[in-house]
Amino acid sequence: MRNSFNNNKIKLEEFEALIQLTAEMSKVLYPYIRQILQSRDDLIRNPKPWTEFKSRYIELISERFNTNSMKVKRLIDSSCNDEVFINILLTLALCISDDGSQKLRTILFNY
């Protein structure tokens, strides 16, 4: 799905490092993640964090991925991707605990 096609498989050590990095970053970003999720529940009074998150996410996906792919087109379609965004944010929110990296590893292996 990426713009620059790379057929190399990720090594287990790299996978573990990415999981650790993601879990640690989710701990740092938890207040922001929580604010985005709360704004999603109250779009009438506080729509700004949710709309900013969606637009930035779509912008990043469009920059880095092949937008001709159907999977990527579904990701950047703002009319039907709210559930995907919520799942991503909830997954990151679950990673803030002490065993967050283990939870994330389990989620990714079961995906």
N, C-alpha and C. Protein backbone atom coordinates (compact mmCIF):
# COMPACT_ATOMS: atom_id res chain seq x y z
N MET A 1 0.81 -1.20 0.00
CA MET A 1 0.00 0.00 0.00
C MET A 1 0.86 1.27 0.00
N ARG A 2 2.14 1.15 0.32
CA ARG A 2 3.01 2.33 0.37
C ARG A 2 3.37 2.80 -1.03
N ASN A 3 3.71 4.09 -1.13
CA ASN A 3 4.16 4.65 -2.40
C ASN A 3 5.45 4.00 -2.87
N SER A 4 6.40 3.86 -1.98
CA SER A 4 7.66 3.21 -2.36
C SER A 4 7.56 1.74 -2.01
N PHE A 5 7.43 0.92 -3.01
CA PHE A 5 7.24 -0.51 -2.81
C PHE A 5 8.53 -1.13 -2.29
N ASN A 6 8.42 -1.86 -1.22
CA ASN A 6 9.57 -2.54 -0.64
C ASN A 6 9.11 -3.93 -0.26
N ASN A 7 9.72 -4.93 -0.84
CA ASN A 7 9.29 -6.30 -0.63
C ASN A 7 10.00 -6.98 0.54
N ASN A 8 10.81 -6.24 1.27
CA ASN A 8 11.52 -6.84 2.40
C ASN A 8 10.56 -7.12 3.55
N LYS A 9 10.73 -8.24 4.17
CA LYS A 9 9.91 -8.57 5.33
C LYS A 9 10.56 -7.99 6.58
N ILE A 10 9.74 -7.56 7.51
CA ILE A 10 10.26 -6.97 8.74
C ILE A 10 10.80 -8.07 9.64
N LYS A 11 11.91 -7.79 10.27
CA LYS A 11 12.52 -8.76 11.18
C LYS A 11 11.80 -8.68 12.52
N LEU A 12 11.86 -9.77 13.27
CA LEU A 12 11.18 -9.83 14.56
C LEU A 12 11.69 -8.75 15.51
N GLU A 13 12.99 -8.51 15.50
CA GLU A 13 13.55 -7.48 16.38
C GLU A 13 13.02 -6.09 16.01
N GLU A 14 12.88 -5.82 14.71
CA GLU A 14 12.34 -4.54 14.27
C GLU A 14 10.87 -4.42 14.65
N PHE A 15 10.13 -5.51 14.51
CA PHE A 15 8.72 -5.53 14.89
C PHE A 15 8.55 -5.24 16.37
N GLU A 16 9.37 -5.88 17.20
CA GLU A 16 9.32 -5.65 18.64
C GLU A 16 9.67 -4.20 18.98
N ALA A 17 10.67 -3.66 18.29
CA ALA A 17 11.07 -2.27 18.53
C ALA A 17 9.95 -1.30 18.15
N LEU A 18 9.27 -1.56 17.05
CA LEU A 18 8.15 -0.71 16.64
C LEU A 18 7.00 -0.78 17.64
N ILE A 19 6.75 -1.96 18.17
CA ILE A 19 5.70 -2.11 19.17
C ILE A 19 6.06 -1.33 20.43
N GLN A 20 7.30 -1.47 20.88
CA GLN A 20 7.76 -0.73 22.08
C GLN A 20 7.65 0.77 21.85
N LEU A 21 8.09 1.23 20.70
CA LEU A 21 8.05 2.65 20.37
C LEU A 21 6.61 3.17 20.34
N THR A 22 5.74 2.42 19.72
CA THR A 22 4.33 2.82 19.64
C THR A 22 3.69 2.86 21.02
N ALA A 23 3.96 1.88 21.85
CA ALA A 23 3.40 1.85 23.20
C ALA A 23 3.91 3.02 24.03
N GLU A 24 5.19 3.33 23.93
CA GLU A 24 5.74 4.45 24.69
C GLU A 24 5.20 5.79 24.19
N MET A 25 5.07 5.93 22.88
CA MET A 25 4.52 7.17 22.33
C MET A 25 3.05 7.34 22.69
N SER A 26 2.31 6.24 22.77
CA SER A 26 0.91 6.36 23.15
C SER A 26 0.77 6.83 24.59
N LYS A 27 1.73 6.47 25.45
CA LYS A 27 1.72 6.96 26.82
C LYS A 27 1.90 8.47 26.86
N VAL A 28 2.81 8.95 26.02
CA VAL A 28 3.08 10.39 25.97
C VAL A 28 1.89 11.15 25.37
N LEU A 29 1.27 10.56 24.37
CA LEU A 29 0.18 11.21 23.65
C LEU A 29 -1.20 10.93 24.23
N TYR A 30 -1.27 10.21 25.34
CA TYR A 30 -2.57 9.83 25.88
C TYR A 30 -3.51 11.01 26.15
N PRO A 31 -3.03 12.13 26.73
CA PRO A 31 -3.98 13.25 26.92
C PRO A 31 -4.59 13.73 25.60
N TYR A 32 -3.79 13.77 24.56
CA TYR A 32 -4.29 14.19 23.25
C TYR A 32 -5.26 13.14 22.69
N ILE A 33 -4.93 11.87 22.83
CA ILE A 33 -5.81 10.80 22.35
C ILE A 33 -7.16 10.87 23.07
N ARG A 34 -7.11 11.08 24.37
CA ARG A 34 -8.34 11.17 25.16
C ARG A 34 -9.18 12.37 24.73
N GLN A 35 -8.52 13.50 24.49
CA GLN A 35 -9.22 14.71 24.03
C GLN A 35 -9.91 14.46 22.69
N ILE A 36 -9.24 13.78 21.78
CA ILE A 36 -9.83 13.48 20.47
C ILE A 36 -11.05 12.58 20.63
N LEU A 37 -10.92 11.53 21.44
CA LEU A 37 -12.05 10.62 21.64
C LEU A 37 -13.23 11.32 22.31
N GLN A 38 -12.95 12.20 23.26
CA GLN A 38 -14.03 12.93 23.92
C GLN A 38 -14.71 13.89 22.96
N SER A 39 -13.93 14.52 22.08
CA SER A 39 -14.54 15.44 21.12
C SER A 39 -15.41 14.69 20.12
N ARG A 40 -15.05 13.43 19.84
CA ARG A 40 -15.86 12.61 18.94
C ARG A 40 -17.22 12.34 19.55
N ASP A 41 -17.27 12.20 20.86
CA ASP A 41 -18.54 11.96 21.54
C ASP A 41 -19.38 13.22 21.65
N ASP A 42 -18.75 14.39 21.52
CA ASP A 42 -19.47 15.66 21.66
C ASP A 42 -19.12 16.58 20.49
N LEU A 43 -19.51 16.18 19.31
CA LEU A 43 -19.16 16.93 18.10
C LEU A 43 -19.83 18.29 18.02
N ILE A 44 -20.93 18.47 18.71
CA ILE A 44 -21.66 19.74 18.64
C ILE A 44 -20.89 20.84 19.38
N ARG A 45 -20.42 20.55 20.58
CA ARG A 45 -19.73 21.57 21.37
C ARG A 45 -18.24 21.67 21.08
N ASN A 46 -17.59 20.56 20.71
CA ASN A 46 -16.14 20.56 20.57
C ASN A 46 -15.70 19.70 19.38
N PRO A 47 -15.97 20.15 18.16
CA PRO A 47 -15.62 19.33 16.99
C PRO A 47 -14.16 19.48 16.55
N LYS A 48 -13.47 20.48 17.02
CA LYS A 48 -12.14 20.81 16.50
C LYS A 48 -11.11 19.68 16.62
N PRO A 49 -10.90 19.06 17.81
CA PRO A 49 -9.88 18.00 17.88
C PRO A 49 -10.16 16.83 16.95
N TRP A 50 -11.43 16.41 16.85
CA TRP A 50 -11.76 15.28 15.99
C TRP A 50 -11.53 15.62 14.52
N THR A 51 -11.98 16.78 14.09
CA THR A 51 -11.81 17.15 12.68
C THR A 51 -10.34 17.39 12.34
N GLU A 52 -9.58 17.95 13.27
CA GLU A 52 -8.14 18.13 13.03
C GLU A 52 -7.43 16.78 12.93
N PHE A 53 -7.79 15.86 13.81
CA PHE A 53 -7.19 14.52 13.76
C PHE A 53 -7.50 13.85 12.43
N LYS A 54 -8.77 13.87 12.02
CA LYS A 54 -9.16 13.22 10.77
C LYS A 54 -8.44 13.83 9.58
N SER A 55 -8.40 15.14 9.53
CA SER A 55 -7.76 15.78 8.36
C SER A 55 -6.26 15.50 8.34
N ARG A 56 -5.62 15.52 9.49
CA ARG A 56 -4.17 15.25 9.53
C ARG A 56 -3.88 13.79 9.18
N TYR A 57 -4.70 12.87 9.68
CA TYR A 57 -4.53 11.45 9.38
C TYR A 57 -4.68 11.20 7.88
N ILE A 58 -5.71 11.77 7.28
CA ILE A 58 -5.94 11.61 5.85
C ILE A 58 -4.80 12.22 5.06
N GLU A 59 -4.31 13.36 5.51
CA GLU A 59 -3.18 14.01 4.84
C GLU A 59 -1.93 13.13 4.88
N LEU A 60 -1.64 12.54 6.04
CA LEU A 60 -0.47 11.68 6.17
C LEU A 60 -0.60 10.41 5.32
N ILE A 61 -1.77 9.81 5.31
CA ILE A 61 -2.01 8.62 4.48
C ILE A 61 -1.83 8.98 3.00
N SER A 62 -2.37 10.11 2.59
CA SER A 62 -2.27 10.52 1.19
C SER A 62 -0.83 10.79 0.78
N GLU A 63 -0.03 11.33 1.69
CA GLU A 63 1.37 11.61 1.38
C GLU A 63 2.19 10.34 1.24
N ARG A 64 1.95 9.36 2.10
CA ARG A 64 2.86 8.23 2.22
C ARG A 64 2.41 6.95 1.53
N PHE A 65 1.14 6.86 1.19
CA PHE A 65 0.62 5.63 0.62
C PHE A 65 0.19 5.84 -0.82
N ASN A 66 0.04 4.74 -1.52
CA ASN A 66 -0.40 4.74 -2.90
C ASN A 66 -1.91 4.97 -2.93
N THR A 67 -2.31 6.16 -3.32
CA THR A 67 -3.74 6.51 -3.29
C THR A 67 -4.54 5.86 -4.41
N ASN A 68 -3.88 5.13 -5.29
CA ASN A 68 -4.60 4.38 -6.32
C ASN A 68 -5.10 3.04 -5.81
N SER A 69 -4.59 2.60 -4.68
CA SER A 69 -5.02 1.34 -4.08
C SER A 69 -6.42 1.50 -3.47
N MET A 70 -7.25 0.50 -3.66
CA MET A 70 -8.61 0.55 -3.12
C MET A 70 -8.62 0.61 -1.60
N LYS A 71 -7.70 -0.11 -0.96
CA LYS A 71 -7.62 -0.08 0.50
C LYS A 71 -7.31 1.32 1.00
N VAL A 72 -6.38 1.99 0.34
CA VAL A 72 -6.01 3.35 0.73
C VAL A 72 -7.16 4.31 0.44
N LYS A 73 -7.83 4.12 -0.67
CA LYS A 73 -8.98 4.98 -0.99
C LYS A 73 -10.05 4.88 0.10
N ARG A 74 -10.25 3.68 0.61
CA ARG A 74 -11.23 3.52 1.70
C ARG A 74 -10.75 4.21 2.97
N LEU A 75 -9.44 4.18 3.24
CA LEU A 75 -8.90 4.84 4.42
C LEU A 75 -9.06 6.35 4.37
N ILE A 76 -8.92 6.93 3.19
CA ILE A 76 -8.98 8.38 3.09
C ILE A 76 -10.38 8.90 2.74
N ASP A 77 -11.33 8.01 2.58
CA ASP A 77 -12.71 8.43 2.34
C ASP A 77 -13.31 8.89 3.66
N SER A 78 -13.48 10.19 3.80
CA SER A 78 -13.91 10.74 5.09
C SER A 78 -15.35 10.39 5.44
N SER A 79 -16.13 9.91 4.49
CA SER A 79 -17.53 9.59 4.79
C SER A 79 -17.70 8.24 5.48
N CYS A 80 -16.71 7.33 5.35
CA CYS A 80 -16.93 6.00 5.92
C CYS A 80 -15.79 5.51 6.79
N ASN A 81 -14.87 6.35 7.19
CA ASN A 81 -13.73 5.85 7.93
C ASN A 81 -13.70 6.23 9.41
N ASP A 82 -14.78 6.76 9.95
CA ASP A 82 -14.81 7.12 11.37
C ASP A 82 -14.55 5.92 12.27
N GLU A 83 -15.11 4.78 11.92
CA GLU A 83 -14.91 3.58 12.74
C GLU A 83 -13.45 3.15 12.76
N VAL A 84 -12.77 3.28 11.64
CA VAL A 84 -11.35 2.94 11.57
C VAL A 84 -10.56 3.87 12.49
N PHE A 85 -10.87 5.16 12.43
CA PHE A 85 -10.17 6.12 13.27
C PHE A 85 -10.41 5.85 14.76
N ILE A 86 -11.63 5.55 15.10
CA ILE A 86 -11.95 5.26 16.50
C ILE A 86 -11.21 4.01 16.96
N ASN A 87 -11.18 2.98 16.13
CA ASN A 87 -10.45 1.75 16.50
C ASN A 87 -8.97 2.02 16.70
N ILE A 88 -8.38 2.82 15.84
CA ILE A 88 -6.96 3.16 15.98
C ILE A 88 -6.72 3.89 17.29
N LEU A 89 -7.54 4.88 17.58
CA LEU A 89 -7.36 5.66 18.81
C LEU A 89 -7.60 4.82 20.06
N LEU A 90 -8.61 3.96 20.03
CA LEU A 90 -8.87 3.10 21.19
C LEU A 90 -7.73 2.10 21.40
N THR A 91 -7.18 1.58 20.31
CA THR A 91 -6.04 0.67 20.43
C THR A 91 -4.86 1.38 21.06
N LEU A 92 -4.58 2.60 20.60
CA LEU A 92 -3.49 3.37 21.20
C LEU A 92 -3.76 3.70 22.66
N ALA A 93 -5.01 4.00 22.99
CA ALA A 93 -5.36 4.31 24.38
C ALA A 93 -5.16 3.08 25.27
N LEU A 94 -5.38 1.89 24.74
CA LEU A 94 -5.18 0.67 25.53
C LEU A 94 -3.70 0.38 25.76
N CYS A 95 -2.83 1.01 25.00
CA CYS A 95 -1.39 0.74 25.10
C CYS A 95 -0.70 1.53 26.20
N ILE A 96 -1.43 2.32 26.97
CA ILE A 96 -0.76 3.18 27.95
C ILE A 96 -0.41 2.47 29.25
N SER A 97 -0.94 1.31 29.46
CA SER A 97 -0.66 0.60 30.70
C SER A 97 0.75 0.04 30.70
N ASP A 98 1.15 -0.54 31.82
CA ASP A 98 2.48 -1.11 31.94
C ASP A 98 2.71 -2.25 30.95
N ASP A 99 1.67 -3.01 30.68
CA ASP A 99 1.80 -4.10 29.71
C ASP A 99 1.18 -3.72 28.36
N GLY A 100 1.27 -2.43 28.02
CA GLY A 100 0.70 -1.92 26.77
C GLY A 100 1.33 -2.52 25.54
N SER A 101 2.64 -2.75 25.59
CA SER A 101 3.28 -3.34 24.42
C SER A 101 2.80 -4.77 24.18
N GLN A 102 2.54 -5.49 25.26
CA GLN A 102 2.01 -6.86 25.12
C GLN A 102 0.59 -6.82 24.53
N LYS A 103 -0.22 -5.87 24.97
CA LYS A 103 -1.58 -5.73 24.43
C LYS A 103 -1.53 -5.39 22.94
N LEU A 104 -0.65 -4.47 22.57
CA LEU A 104 -0.53 -4.09 21.17
C LEU A 104 -0.04 -5.25 20.32
N ARG A 105 0.92 -6.00 20.82
CA ARG A 105 1.43 -7.16 20.10
C ARG A 105 0.30 -8.17 19.86
N THR A 106 -0.50 -8.41 20.87
CA THR A 106 -1.63 -9.34 20.75
C THR A 106 -2.63 -8.85 19.73
N ILE A 107 -2.95 -7.56 19.77
CA ILE A 107 -3.90 -6.99 18.82
C ILE A 107 -3.39 -7.14 17.40
N LEU A 108 -2.11 -6.85 17.19
CA LEU A 108 -1.55 -6.94 15.84
C LEU A 108 -1.46 -8.37 15.33
N PHE A 109 -1.13 -9.29 16.20
CA PHE A 109 -1.07 -10.69 15.77
C PHE A 109 -2.45 -11.25 15.46
N ASN A 110 -3.49 -10.75 16.12
CA ASN A 110 -4.85 -11.23 15.88
C ASN A 110 -5.55 -10.48 14.76
N TYR A 111 -4.91 -9.46 14.23
CA TYR A 111 -5.53 -8.65 13.17
C TYR A 111 -5.47 -9.36 11.89
